[in-house]
Structures are given as C-alpha cells and as structure tokens.
Amino acid sequence: MRICVFCGSSTGFSPEYAEAAAGVGKLLAQRGIGLVYGGASVGTMGVVADAALAAGGEVQGVIPEVLSSVEIAHGGLTELHVVADMHQRKAKMAALSDAFVALPGGAGTLEELFEVWTWAQLGLHSKPIGLLDVGGYYAQLVSFADHMVTEGFLRQDTRALLTVEADAAKLVDKLTGISAAP
C-alpha cells in the first residue's frame, strides 16, 4: 500500500508543520506503507520524505522536469519519477497511490487536493482522501466545504469523501480501513 502526501515546498512559520510532516513520514514507514509525494528535498516535502527514509520506508517521488532543479529534486529516494509537466505529475502520483493525505501547504497543495477530490466526485477513483488538520490549519476549509453543502453547491456525499483528523495515526487508520479498538 502507498499513500500520496500533498504538502509544501516550504515549511511554514510554525514548527508544528514540519514536526507533523516528519511524524507522517515515520508513521507510514513504521506501518509498511509506502510514501508517494512531490519529489522535492525542500519544505515539508523534504521533511516527510527524509523521515520516511530514515525509518526504512519506501519513498516514491514524482517531479516535473521544469521543477527538478527549482525545487531541488530529492536524490536519495527509493525511486524518483521525472515527468514532463504538472498534469503528468498528478496523474502519476494518483496512479502510484492507494489513498491521499493533504498536510498544511499552499496553493499547489490545495490544487492537488481539489483535483483528487473532484476525480472522486466524478467516480474516476474511489481512493480515500484525508486532511491532516495540524493545529486547526484546515478548519476554515472544512467549514467552507460544509457551507458549500448548505448552499447547494456540494452534495453531502461528496463532502463526506474528505476525512478530517488532527491525529496522523487516526487519519491513517481511517484511510486504510483499520478499526480502532473499542
């Protein structure tokens, strides 16, 4: 099994974002779940990959050729896929993955999240999608998604495709179908 993690090329202002990224990388490796991500060595992308690798995990990176030098492609991955453009990047990441998790990030992270969410809405895949709500980072987005339902622009079943959790282990459990003990 592999989980695709969408995250940033920066680490943000709060240290908790990098800590969460490191925790996710380590958690996936400890559980024998491969990591698929954007292929860079910088920002929370580099943090999640380094943590997974340090814990003995499999890490598949996917980076567009044009960004391989700008984002500084990670040189120590299990496998680095260099693709022609951002469209191929997202398609390759989705093809390699069994589930998706968005960590705090910027416009690119949101764009990746919204694309796989839209694909699920359209029935193009049935892979689970999660938001790791580090320090309430995604609270306003979740509230807005609920507002979209209230206003009739989003069906409740589409909103329900997003699993939101503040705890990485609980989120991974939900996305992989592991039931918590009663």
Protein backbone atom coordinates (compact mmCIF):
# COMPACT_ATOMS: atom_id res chain seq x y z
CA MET A 1 0.00 0.00 0.00
CA ARG A 2 1.10 3.56 -0.72
CA ILE A 3 -0.29 6.88 0.48
CA CYS A 4 0.25 10.05 -1.51
CA VAL A 5 1.05 13.03 0.71
CA PHE A 6 0.41 16.51 -0.66
CA CYS A 7 2.49 19.10 1.17
CA GLY A 8 4.53 22.25 0.72
CA SER A 9 7.82 23.32 -0.79
CA SER A 10 8.21 25.49 2.33
CA THR A 11 7.81 24.58 5.98
CA GLY A 12 5.52 27.43 7.01
CA PHE A 13 6.06 29.64 10.03
CA SER A 14 5.10 27.20 12.79
CA PRO A 15 7.48 24.37 13.68
CA GLU A 16 4.46 22.10 14.18
CA TYR A 17 4.04 21.79 10.40
CA ALA A 18 7.48 20.26 9.90
CA GLU A 19 7.00 18.13 13.02
CA ALA A 20 3.72 16.80 11.62
CA ALA A 21 5.34 16.07 8.25
CA ALA A 22 8.16 14.16 9.96
CA GLY A 23 5.62 12.28 12.04
CA VAL A 24 3.65 11.24 8.97
CA GLY A 25 6.77 10.04 7.14
CA LYS A 26 7.91 7.99 10.12
CA LEU A 27 4.40 6.61 10.75
CA LEU A 28 3.99 5.43 7.17
CA ALA A 29 7.37 3.71 7.21
CA GLN A 30 6.68 2.03 10.56
CA ARG A 31 3.42 0.67 9.20
CA GLY A 32 4.99 -0.58 5.99
CA ILE A 33 3.05 1.93 3.90
CA GLY A 34 4.94 3.49 1.00
CA LEU A 35 5.05 7.26 0.59
CA VAL A 36 4.30 8.97 -2.71
CA TYR A 37 4.95 12.71 -2.81
CA GLY A 38 6.13 15.61 -4.98
CA GLY A 39 9.78 14.55 -5.19
CA ALA A 40 11.48 17.62 -3.70
CA SER A 41 14.09 17.83 -0.96
CA VAL A 42 12.84 21.18 0.37
CA GLY A 43 9.98 22.27 2.62
CA THR A 44 7.62 19.80 4.23
CA MET A 45 8.08 17.67 1.10
CA GLY A 46 11.71 17.09 2.04
CA VAL A 47 10.82 16.61 5.71
CA VAL A 48 8.21 13.90 5.07
CA ALA A 49 10.50 12.06 2.64
CA ASP A 50 13.56 12.23 4.89
CA ALA A 51 11.59 10.94 7.89
CA ALA A 52 10.14 8.03 5.91
CA LEU A 53 13.57 7.13 4.54
CA ALA A 54 15.21 7.39 7.97
CA ALA A 55 12.62 4.93 9.30
CA GLY A 56 13.35 2.48 6.48
CA GLY A 57 10.32 3.30 4.33
CA GLU A 58 9.74 3.19 0.60
CA VAL A 59 9.53 6.68 -0.94
CA GLN A 60 8.38 7.37 -4.50
CA GLY A 61 8.84 10.96 -5.65
CA VAL A 62 7.23 12.49 -8.74
CA ILE A 63 8.56 15.81 -10.00
CA PRO A 64 8.12 17.71 -13.26
CA GLU A 65 11.28 18.25 -15.23
CA VAL A 66 10.95 22.04 -15.01
CA LEU A 67 10.84 21.90 -11.18
CA SER A 68 13.55 19.29 -10.69
CA SER A 69 16.21 21.98 -10.29
CA VAL A 70 14.00 24.75 -8.83
CA GLU A 71 12.55 22.54 -6.07
CA ILE A 72 15.79 20.60 -5.83
CA ALA A 73 14.77 17.03 -6.62
CA HIS A 74 15.48 14.64 -3.77
CA GLY A 75 18.45 12.45 -4.61
CA GLY A 76 18.01 9.68 -2.04
CA LEU A 77 14.56 8.28 -2.78
CA THR A 78 13.59 4.69 -3.45
CA GLU A 79 12.52 5.95 -6.87
CA LEU A 80 12.26 9.40 -8.43
CA HIS A 81 9.94 9.77 -11.39
CA VAL A 82 10.74 12.83 -13.53
CA VAL A 83 7.74 13.71 -15.69
CA ALA A 84 7.08 16.32 -18.37
CA ASP A 85 4.64 18.60 -16.54
CA MET A 86 2.33 19.16 -13.56
CA HIS A 87 -0.55 17.26 -15.19
CA GLN A 88 1.62 14.17 -15.56
CA ARG A 89 2.89 14.64 -12.01
CA LYS A 90 -0.60 14.50 -10.52
CA ALA A 91 -1.65 11.59 -12.74
CA LYS A 92 1.48 9.60 -11.84
CA MET A 93 1.11 10.33 -8.12
CA ALA A 94 -2.52 9.19 -8.25
CA ALA A 95 -1.65 6.05 -10.20
CA LEU A 96 1.03 5.08 -7.65
CA SER A 97 -1.23 5.67 -4.63
CA ASP A 98 -3.99 3.91 -2.74
CA ALA A 99 -5.02 6.95 -0.65
CA PHE A 100 -4.27 10.66 -0.33
CA VAL A 101 -3.39 12.92 2.60
CA ALA A 102 -3.03 16.70 2.48
CA LEU A 103 -0.72 18.25 5.05
CA PRO A 104 -0.68 22.02 5.54
CA GLY A 105 0.53 23.68 2.38
CA GLY A 106 -0.12 26.42 -0.13
CA ALA A 107 -1.90 26.80 -3.44
CA GLY A 108 -0.18 23.77 -5.01
CA THR A 109 -1.18 21.53 -2.12
CA LEU A 110 -4.78 22.71 -2.36
CA GLU A 111 -4.79 22.30 -6.14
CA GLU A 112 -3.63 18.67 -5.80
CA LEU A 113 -6.20 18.03 -3.06
CA PHE A 114 -9.07 19.54 -5.02
CA GLU A 115 -8.16 17.62 -8.16
CA VAL A 116 -8.23 14.19 -6.48
CA TRP A 117 -11.39 15.19 -4.60
CA THR A 118 -13.03 16.18 -7.90
CA TRP A 119 -11.87 12.94 -9.52
CA ALA A 120 -13.51 11.01 -6.66
CA GLN A 121 -16.72 13.04 -7.05
CA LEU A 122 -16.77 12.14 -10.75
CA GLY A 123 -16.18 8.45 -9.98
CA LEU A 124 -12.73 8.40 -11.59
CA HIS A 125 -11.32 6.75 -8.46
CA SER A 126 -12.59 5.52 -5.11
CA LYS A 127 -9.42 6.08 -3.09
CA PRO A 128 -9.81 7.66 0.36
CA ILE A 129 -8.79 11.30 0.86
CA GLY A 130 -7.75 12.85 4.16
CA LEU A 131 -6.80 16.19 5.61
CA LEU A 132 -4.33 16.25 8.48
CA ASP A 133 -5.63 19.26 10.37
CA VAL A 134 -2.42 20.32 12.13
CA GLY A 135 -3.19 23.00 14.70
CA GLY A 136 -6.53 23.78 13.04
CA TYR A 137 -4.86 24.63 9.73
CA TYR A 138 -7.74 23.23 7.67
CA ALA A 139 -10.60 24.29 9.99
CA GLN A 140 -11.72 27.15 7.74
CA LEU A 141 -11.53 24.97 4.62
CA VAL A 142 -13.66 22.30 6.31
CA SER A 143 -16.12 24.97 7.41
CA PHE A 144 -16.26 26.30 3.86
CA ALA A 145 -16.88 22.80 2.47
CA ASP A 146 -19.79 22.48 4.90
CA HIS A 147 -21.02 25.91 3.74
CA MET A 148 -20.89 24.68 0.13
CA VAL A 149 -23.22 21.84 1.15
CA THR A 150 -25.57 24.24 2.96
CA GLU A 151 -25.70 26.50 -0.10
CA GLY A 152 -26.37 23.63 -2.52
CA PHE A 153 -23.09 23.67 -4.45
CA LEU A 154 -21.69 20.45 -2.96
CA ARG A 155 -23.51 17.22 -2.21
CA GLN A 156 -23.15 15.83 1.31
CA ASP A 157 -21.80 12.54 -0.10
CA THR A 158 -19.07 14.49 -1.90
CA ARG A 159 -18.23 16.43 1.27
CA ALA A 160 -18.05 13.10 3.10
CA LEU A 161 -15.25 11.99 0.77
CA LEU A 162 -12.88 14.16 2.86
CA THR A 163 -11.81 12.56 6.11
CA VAL A 164 -10.52 15.19 8.53
CA GLU A 165 -8.41 14.30 11.54
CA ALA A 166 -5.91 16.14 13.75
CA ASP A 167 -4.09 12.93 14.71
CA ALA A 168 -1.96 11.32 11.96
CA ALA A 169 -2.28 7.77 13.28
CA LYS A 170 -6.08 8.04 13.48
CA LEU A 171 -6.21 9.50 9.97
CA VAL A 172 -4.07 6.71 8.51
CA ASP A 173 -6.22 4.15 10.35
CA LYS A 174 -9.35 5.60 8.77
CA LEU A 175 -7.84 5.81 5.29
CA THR A 176 -6.53 2.26 5.39
CA GLY A 177 -9.67 0.78 6.92
CA ILE A 178 -8.08 -0.14 10.21
CA SER A 179 -10.63 -0.11 13.01
CA ALA A 180 -9.65 1.32 16.34
CA ALA A 181 -10.04 -0.98 19.33
CA PRO A 182 -13.26 -0.32 21.30
